[in-house]
Amino acid sequence: MTSAAERLTLVLVGPMAAGKTSIGRRVARALGQPFIDTDKRVAAEHGPIPSIFAAHGEQYFRDLERSAVAAALAEGGVISLGGGAVTDEATRALLREHPVVFLTVSEAAVAERIAAGGRPLLEGDDPVARWTEIFAQRRAWYDEVATATFDTSRRPMQRIAEDIVAWRREQG
């Protein structure tokens, strides 16, 4: 593992089911960096995300999320943000000082990935339509913070991770 002085930071953003965690783990391993999933950190400290939403609402969750993002950025490494983290202006401001990869994905690929459920914002009769609506609302924010964009729809996660590692190494 690298020391704090040798850490680089790389942030992954994108919609739900874009592969941020799967790809992030691979990128971190290849770069010899720690991997931080801010959703998992929030859940570890405060309980399951669906329960946080139900008990306190989305804004409360976004506040917890922003704190987790700030802490992760201070630590460094490969950091995966929840799909809605970019909706918060203060969180977007935190990202401006770091390389950010926007992982995008097609609606067709998402349909297969979200079948398992567990995403409070996609509950209802047509989760793919809801995903499409949410992605459209957030797309400009992903573009705003992105340094680079990679599509995860059709290529194997390992190949995408390799491309991101190569890109990050080029960045220095």
C-alpha atoms as a PDB file:
ATOM      1  CA  MET A   1       0.000   0.000   0.000  1.00  0.00           C
ATOM      2  CA  THR A   2       1.172   3.534  -0.622  1.00  0.00           C
ATOM      3  CA  SER A   3       1.958   6.096   2.035  1.00  0.00           C
ATOM      4  CA  ALA A   4      -0.096   9.276   2.238  1.00  0.00           C
ATOM      5  CA  ALA A   5       2.724  11.174   0.507  1.00  0.00           C
ATOM      6  CA  GLU A   6       2.549   8.761  -2.460  1.00  0.00           C
ATOM      7  CA  ARG A   7      -1.228   8.876  -2.804  1.00  0.00           C
ATOM      8  CA  LEU A   8      -2.887  10.131  -5.874  1.00  0.00           C
ATOM      9  CA  THR A   9      -6.537  10.997  -6.032  1.00  0.00           C
ATOM     10  CA  LEU A  10      -9.003   9.914  -8.676  1.00  0.00           C
ATOM     11  CA  VAL A  11     -12.745  10.374  -8.280  1.00  0.00           C
ATOM     12  CA  LEU A  12     -15.381   8.332 -10.119  1.00  0.00           C
ATOM     13  CA  VAL A  13     -18.833   9.831 -10.674  1.00  0.00           C
ATOM     14  CA  GLY A  14     -21.805   8.759 -12.736  1.00  0.00           C
ATOM     15  CA  PRO A  15     -25.370   7.561 -12.553  1.00  0.00           C
ATOM     16  CA  MET A  16     -26.591   4.631 -10.520  1.00  0.00           C
ATOM     17  CA  ALA A  17     -25.424   1.314 -12.028  1.00  0.00           C
ATOM     18  CA  ALA A  18     -22.633   2.818 -14.142  1.00  0.00           C
ATOM     19  CA  GLY A  19     -20.071   0.539 -12.468  1.00  0.00           C
ATOM     20  CA  LYS A  20     -18.346   3.047 -10.200  1.00  0.00           C
ATOM     21  CA  THR A  21     -17.635   0.548  -7.430  1.00  0.00           C
ATOM     22  CA  SER A  22     -16.662  -2.382  -9.673  1.00  0.00           C
ATOM     23  CA  ILE A  23     -14.395  -0.293 -11.841  1.00  0.00           C
ATOM     24  CA  GLY A  24     -13.098   1.757  -8.921  1.00  0.00           C
ATOM     25  CA  ARG A  25     -11.845  -1.336  -7.101  1.00  0.00           C
ATOM     26  CA  ARG A  26      -9.989  -2.490 -10.203  1.00  0.00           C
ATOM     27  CA  VAL A  27      -8.467   0.946 -10.829  1.00  0.00           C
ATOM     28  CA  ALA A  28      -7.342   1.245  -7.203  1.00  0.00           C
ATOM     29  CA  ARG A  29      -5.718  -2.193  -7.285  1.00  0.00           C
ATOM     30  CA  ALA A  30      -3.883  -1.405 -10.541  1.00  0.00           C
ATOM     31  CA  LEU A  31      -2.645   1.942  -9.229  1.00  0.00           C
ATOM     32  CA  GLY A  32      -1.698   0.567  -5.808  1.00  0.00           C
ATOM     33  CA  GLN A  33      -4.069   2.993  -4.120  1.00  0.00           C
ATOM     34  CA  PRO A  34      -6.780   2.555  -1.491  1.00  0.00           C
ATOM     35  CA  PHE A  35     -10.376   2.393  -2.692  1.00  0.00           C
ATOM     36  CA  ILE A  36     -13.048   4.436  -0.950  1.00  0.00           C
ATOM     37  CA  ASP A  37     -16.765   4.077  -1.673  1.00  0.00           C
ATOM     38  CA  THR A  38     -18.460   7.070  -0.051  1.00  0.00           C
ATOM     39  CA  ASP A  39     -21.891   5.374  -0.033  1.00  0.00           C
ATOM     40  CA  LYS A  40     -20.416   2.451   1.917  1.00  0.00           C
ATOM     41  CA  ARG A  41     -18.787   4.867   4.365  1.00  0.00           C
ATOM     42  CA  VAL A  42     -22.064   6.693   4.979  1.00  0.00           C
ATOM     43  CA  ALA A  43     -23.885   3.389   5.461  1.00  0.00           C
ATOM     44  CA  ALA A  44     -21.206   2.086   7.847  1.00  0.00           C
ATOM     45  CA  GLU A  45     -21.500   5.190  10.025  1.00  0.00           C
ATOM     46  CA  HIS A  46     -25.231   5.938   9.782  1.00  0.00           C
ATOM     47  CA  GLY A  47     -27.025   2.785   8.662  1.00  0.00           C
ATOM     48  CA  PRO A  48     -28.491   1.643   5.355  1.00  0.00           C
ATOM     49  CA  ILE A  49     -29.015   4.421   2.827  1.00  0.00           C
ATOM     50  CA  PRO A  50     -32.681   3.514   2.169  1.00  0.00           C
ATOM     51  CA  SER A  51     -33.290   3.863   5.934  1.00  0.00           C
ATOM     52  CA  ILE A  52     -31.559   7.267   6.009  1.00  0.00           C
ATOM     53  CA  PHE A  53     -33.762   8.453   3.136  1.00  0.00           C
ATOM     54  CA  ALA A  54     -36.902   7.117   4.808  1.00  0.00           C
ATOM     55  CA  ALA A  55     -36.148   8.561   8.240  1.00  0.00           C
ATOM     56  CA  HIS A  56     -34.522  11.888   7.379  1.00  0.00           C
ATOM     57  CA  GLY A  57     -34.994  12.627   3.667  1.00  0.00           C
ATOM     58  CA  GLU A  58     -32.646  13.189   0.773  1.00  0.00           C
ATOM     59  CA  GLN A  59     -31.131  16.501   1.930  1.00  0.00           C
ATOM     60  CA  TYR A  60     -29.983  14.978   5.214  1.00  0.00           C
ATOM     61  CA  PHE A  61     -28.353  12.142   3.263  1.00  0.00           C
ATOM     62  CA  ARG A  62     -26.642  14.633   0.897  1.00  0.00           C
ATOM     63  CA  ASP A  63     -25.166  16.435   3.918  1.00  0.00           C
ATOM     64  CA  LEU A  64     -23.756  13.152   5.248  1.00  0.00           C
ATOM     65  CA  GLU A  65     -22.514  12.312   1.775  1.00  0.00           C
ATOM     66  CA  ARG A  66     -20.720  15.672   1.377  1.00  0.00           C
ATOM     67  CA  SER A  67     -18.874  15.077   4.650  1.00  0.00           C
ATOM     68  CA  ALA A  68     -17.859  11.592   3.493  1.00  0.00           C
ATOM     69  CA  VAL A  69     -16.617  12.993   0.159  1.00  0.00           C
ATOM     70  CA  ALA A  70     -14.556  15.686   1.900  1.00  0.00           C
ATOM     71  CA  ALA A  71     -12.968  13.110   4.215  1.00  0.00           C
ATOM     72  CA  ALA A  72     -12.199  10.752   1.327  1.00  0.00           C
ATOM     73  CA  LEU A  73     -10.619  13.526  -0.738  1.00  0.00           C
ATOM     74  CA  ALA A  74      -8.432  14.438   2.238  1.00  0.00           C
ATOM     75  CA  GLU A  75      -7.234  10.821   2.439  1.00  0.00           C
ATOM     76  CA  GLY A  76      -6.668  10.350  -1.289  1.00  0.00           C
ATOM     77  CA  GLY A  77      -6.920   7.224  -3.390  1.00  0.00           C
ATOM     78  CA  VAL A  78      -9.583   6.072  -5.832  1.00  0.00           C
ATOM     79  CA  ILE A  79     -12.916   7.405  -4.630  1.00  0.00           C
ATOM     80  CA  SER A  80     -16.325   6.271  -5.855  1.00  0.00           C
ATOM     81  CA  LEU A  81     -19.182   8.696  -5.233  1.00  0.00           C
ATOM     82  CA  GLY A  82     -22.858   7.869  -5.076  1.00  0.00           C
ATOM     83  CA  GLY A  83     -24.842   8.713  -8.204  1.00  0.00           C
ATOM     84  CA  GLY A  84     -26.463  11.790  -6.671  1.00  0.00           C
ATOM     85  CA  ALA A  85     -23.419  13.312  -4.994  1.00  0.00           C
ATOM     86  CA  VAL A  86     -23.059  15.815  -7.840  1.00  0.00           C
ATOM     87  CA  THR A  87     -26.490  17.305  -7.101  1.00  0.00           C
ATOM     88  CA  ASP A  88     -24.932  19.154  -4.162  1.00  0.00           C
ATOM     89  CA  GLU A  89     -23.136  22.385  -5.148  1.00  0.00           C
ATOM     90  CA  ALA A  90     -20.717  22.166  -2.213  1.00  0.00           C
ATOM     91  CA  THR A  91     -19.766  18.617  -3.202  1.00  0.00           C
ATOM     92  CA  ARG A  92     -19.175  19.736  -6.811  1.00  0.00           C
ATOM     93  CA  ALA A  93     -16.940  22.519  -5.473  1.00  0.00           C
ATOM     94  CA  LEU A  94     -14.876  19.928  -3.566  1.00  0.00           C
ATOM     95  CA  LEU A  95     -14.344  17.982  -6.793  1.00  0.00           C
ATOM     96  CA  ARG A  96     -12.971  20.918  -8.805  1.00  0.00           C
ATOM     97  CA  GLU A  97      -9.450  20.399  -7.451  1.00  0.00           C
ATOM     98  CA  HIS A  98      -9.241  16.714  -8.418  1.00  0.00           C
ATOM     99  CA  PRO A  99      -9.257  14.515 -11.534  1.00  0.00           C
ATOM    100  CA  VAL A 100     -12.787  13.214 -11.980  1.00  0.00           C
ATOM    101  CA  VAL A 101     -13.848  10.380 -14.275  1.00  0.00           C
ATOM    102  CA  PHE A 102     -17.481  10.394 -15.382  1.00  0.00           C
ATOM    103  CA  LEU A 103     -18.678   6.840 -16.021  1.00  0.00           C
ATOM    104  CA  THR A 104     -21.656   6.920 -18.319  1.00  0.00           C
ATOM    105  CA  VAL A 105     -23.889   4.018 -19.279  1.00  0.00           C
ATOM    106  CA  SER A 106     -26.749   3.403 -21.687  1.00  0.00           C
ATOM    107  CA  GLU A 107     -30.332   2.851 -20.630  1.00  0.00           C
ATOM    108  CA  ALA A 108     -30.243  -0.673 -22.102  1.00  0.00           C
ATOM    109  CA  ALA A 109     -27.204  -1.681 -20.028  1.00  0.00           C
ATOM    110  CA  VAL A 110     -28.754  -0.195 -16.891  1.00  0.00           C
ATOM    111  CA  ALA A 111     -31.921  -2.252 -17.287  1.00  0.00           C
ATOM    112  CA  GLU A 112     -29.895  -5.423 -16.628  1.00  0.00           C
ATOM    113  CA  ARG A 113     -27.866  -3.910 -13.784  1.00  0.00           C
ATOM    114  CA  ILE A 114     -30.677  -2.493 -11.641  1.00  0.00           C
ATOM    115  CA  ALA A 115     -32.801  -5.636 -11.530  1.00  0.00           C
ATOM    116  CA  ALA A 116     -31.573  -6.469  -8.009  1.00  0.00           C
ATOM    117  CA  GLY A 117     -33.161  -3.342  -6.493  1.00  0.00           C
ATOM    118  CA  GLY A 118     -31.938  -1.661  -3.315  1.00  0.00           C
ATOM    119  CA  ARG A 119     -31.905   1.833  -4.810  1.00  0.00           C
ATOM    120  CA  PRO A 120     -34.430   4.061  -3.031  1.00  0.00           C
ATOM    121  CA  LEU A 121     -34.683   6.616  -5.836  1.00  0.00           C
ATOM    122  CA  LEU A 122     -35.652   3.895  -8.341  1.00  0.00           C
ATOM    123  CA  GLU A 123     -38.534   2.397  -6.413  1.00  0.00           C
ATOM    124  CA  GLY A 124     -41.799   2.173  -8.312  1.00  0.00           C
ATOM    125  CA  ASP A 125     -43.363   0.523 -11.334  1.00  0.00           C
ATOM    126  CA  ASP A 126     -40.735   1.461 -13.935  1.00  0.00           C
ATOM    127  CA  PRO A 127     -37.244   1.757 -12.455  1.00  0.00           C
ATOM    128  CA  VAL A 128     -35.579   2.184 -15.874  1.00  0.00           C
ATOM    129  CA  ALA A 129     -37.800   5.150 -16.736  1.00  0.00           C
ATOM    130  CA  ARG A 130     -37.044   6.643 -13.322  1.00  0.00           C
ATOM    131  CA  TRP A 131     -33.299   6.051 -13.865  1.00  0.00           C
ATOM    132  CA  THR A 132     -33.522   7.785 -17.254  1.00  0.00           C
ATOM    133  CA  GLU A 133     -35.289  10.769 -15.704  1.00  0.00           C
ATOM    134  CA  ILE A 134     -32.745  11.066 -12.876  1.00  0.00           C
ATOM    135  CA  PHE A 135     -29.795  10.733 -15.280  1.00  0.00           C
ATOM    136  CA  ALA A 136     -31.216  13.472 -17.507  1.00  0.00           C
ATOM    137  CA  GLN A 137     -31.580  15.758 -14.470  1.00  0.00           C
ATOM    138  CA  ARG A 138     -27.992  15.142 -13.342  1.00  0.00           C
ATOM    139  CA  ARG A 139     -26.168  14.876 -16.681  1.00  0.00           C
ATOM    140  CA  ALA A 140     -25.010  18.517 -16.769  1.00  0.00           C
ATOM    141  CA  TRP A 141     -23.542  18.197 -13.259  1.00  0.00           C
ATOM    142  CA  TYR A 142     -21.572  15.076 -14.232  1.00  0.00           C
ATOM    143  CA  ASP A 143     -20.248  16.936 -17.269  1.00  0.00           C
ATOM    144  CA  GLU A 144     -19.424  19.972 -15.103  1.00  0.00           C
ATOM    145  CA  VAL A 145     -17.117  18.046 -12.766  1.00  0.00           C
ATOM    146  CA  ALA A 146     -15.680  15.568 -15.288  1.00  0.00           C
ATOM    147  CA  THR A 147     -12.074  15.649 -16.389  1.00  0.00           C
ATOM    148  CA  ALA A 148     -12.635  12.566 -18.603  1.00  0.00           C
ATOM    149  CA  THR A 149     -15.597  10.397 -19.599  1.00  0.00           C
ATOM    150  CA  PHE A 150     -15.680   6.636 -20.152  1.00  0.00           C
ATOM    151  CA  ASP A 151     -18.723   4.638 -21.303  1.00  0.00           C
ATOM    152  CA  THR A 152     -19.313   1.403 -19.368  1.00  0.00           C
ATOM    153  CA  SER A 153     -22.240   0.079 -21.420  1.00  0.00           C
ATOM    154  CA  ARG A 154     -20.698  -2.659 -23.521  1.00  0.00           C
ATOM    155  CA  ARG A 155     -17.040  -3.235 -22.678  1.00  0.00           C
ATOM    156  CA  PRO A 156     -15.786  -5.501 -19.888  1.00  0.00           C
ATOM    157  CA  MET A 157     -15.222  -3.676 -16.606  1.00  0.00           C
ATOM    158  CA  GLN A 158     -11.570  -4.780 -16.533  1.00  0.00           C
ATOM    159  CA  ARG A 159     -10.872  -3.174 -19.931  1.00  0.00           C
ATOM    160  CA  ILE A 160     -12.534   0.068 -18.857  1.00  0.00           C
ATOM    161  CA  ALA A 161     -10.478   0.037 -15.656  1.00  0.00           C
ATOM    162  CA  GLU A 162      -7.283  -0.459 -17.680  1.00  0.00           C
ATOM    163  CA  ASP A 163      -8.180   2.508 -19.888  1.00  0.00           C
ATOM    164  CA  ILE A 164      -8.801   4.690 -16.838  1.00  0.00           C
ATOM    165  CA  VAL A 165      -5.498   3.617 -15.264  1.00  0.00           C
ATOM    166  CA  ALA A 166      -3.660   4.496 -18.487  1.00  0.00           C
ATOM    167  CA  TRP A 167      -5.436   7.877 -18.624  1.00  0.00           C
ATOM    168  CA  ARG A 168      -4.639   8.622 -14.965  1.00  0.00           C
ATOM    169  CA  ARG A 169      -0.978   7.748 -15.413  1.00  0.00           C
ATOM    170  CA  GLU A 170      -0.813  10.119 -18.384  1.00  0.00           C
ATOM    171  CA  GLN A 171      -2.139  12.865 -16.121  1.00  0.00           C
ATOM    172  CA  GLY A 172       0.862  12.466 -13.814  1.00  0.00           C
END
